[in-house]
Amino acid sequence: MSDIIESNPAILGGKPIIKGTRIPVALIYELIRLNYSINDILEEYPHLSKNIILTLLNNKSV
């Protein structure tokens, strides 16, 4: 999964983010917990792809 997640101490204090963005992985999990649909998330963050979100959800060990 390292192809979509990165951690850099210079970005958000090293928290795992979606590669190429400043979007924390934890934010996606939080939105799902708040009952956002994948489509809702894509509306808020149109530069993400459905594939990225599904990959995160299928690998919650992050």
Protein backbone atom coordinates (compact mmCIF):
# COMPACT_ATOMS: atom_id res chain seq x y z
CA MET A 1 0.00 0.00 0.00
CA SER A 2 3.04 2.27 0.13
CA ASP A 3 2.18 3.21 -3.44
CA ILE A 4 -0.68 5.39 -2.11
CA ILE A 5 0.50 6.30 1.41
CA GLU A 6 3.53 8.25 2.48
CA SER A 7 4.86 9.66 5.71
CA ASN A 8 7.17 12.65 5.72
CA PRO A 9 8.19 14.50 8.90
CA ALA A 10 7.92 17.78 6.96
CA ILE A 11 4.25 17.17 6.12
CA LEU A 12 1.65 17.10 8.92
CA GLY A 13 4.27 16.05 11.44
CA GLY A 14 4.89 12.73 9.71
CA LYS A 15 1.30 11.45 9.90
CA PRO A 16 0.42 9.00 7.11
CA ILE A 17 -1.06 10.89 4.17
CA ILE A 18 -2.35 9.98 0.75
CA LYS A 19 0.65 10.26 -1.54
CA GLY A 20 0.80 13.51 -3.49
CA THR A 21 -1.68 15.23 -1.16
CA ARG A 22 -1.81 16.64 2.34
CA ILE A 23 -4.86 14.51 3.15
CA PRO A 24 -4.31 12.35 6.24
CA VAL A 25 -5.30 8.72 5.88
CA ALA A 26 -7.06 9.03 9.25
CA LEU A 27 -9.36 11.69 7.76
CA ILE A 28 -10.73 9.22 5.22
CA TYR A 29 -11.42 6.69 8.00
CA GLU A 30 -13.08 9.41 10.07
CA LEU A 31 -15.33 10.47 7.18
CA ILE A 32 -16.41 6.86 6.66
CA ARG A 33 -17.08 6.56 10.41
CA LEU A 34 -19.28 9.66 10.08
CA ASN A 35 -21.29 7.86 7.38
CA TYR A 36 -19.88 9.71 4.39
CA SER A 37 -20.25 7.64 1.26
CA ILE A 38 -17.38 7.17 -1.15
CA ASN A 39 -19.16 9.54 -3.51
CA ASP A 40 -19.45 12.14 -0.73
CA ILE A 41 -15.71 11.93 -0.13
CA LEU A 42 -14.98 12.24 -3.84
CA GLU A 43 -17.17 15.35 -3.99
CA GLU A 44 -15.17 16.92 -1.14
CA TYR A 45 -11.81 15.75 -2.51
CA PRO A 46 -12.24 15.41 -6.30
CA HIS A 47 -8.51 14.87 -6.88
CA LEU A 48 -8.79 11.51 -5.08
CA SER A 49 -9.97 8.44 -6.91
CA LYS A 50 -12.47 5.78 -5.94
CA ASN A 51 -9.67 3.24 -6.25
CA ILE A 52 -7.58 5.05 -3.60
CA ILE A 53 -10.47 5.14 -1.14
CA LEU A 54 -11.36 1.49 -1.74
CA THR A 55 -7.73 0.47 -1.27
CA LEU A 56 -7.61 2.31 2.06
CA LEU A 57 -10.86 0.73 3.22
CA ASN A 58 -9.74 -2.75 2.22
CA ASN A 59 -6.47 -2.35 4.13
CA LYS A 60 -7.43 -0.80 7.46
CA SER A 61 -4.16 -1.94 9.01
CA VAL A 62 -2.70 1.51 8.32
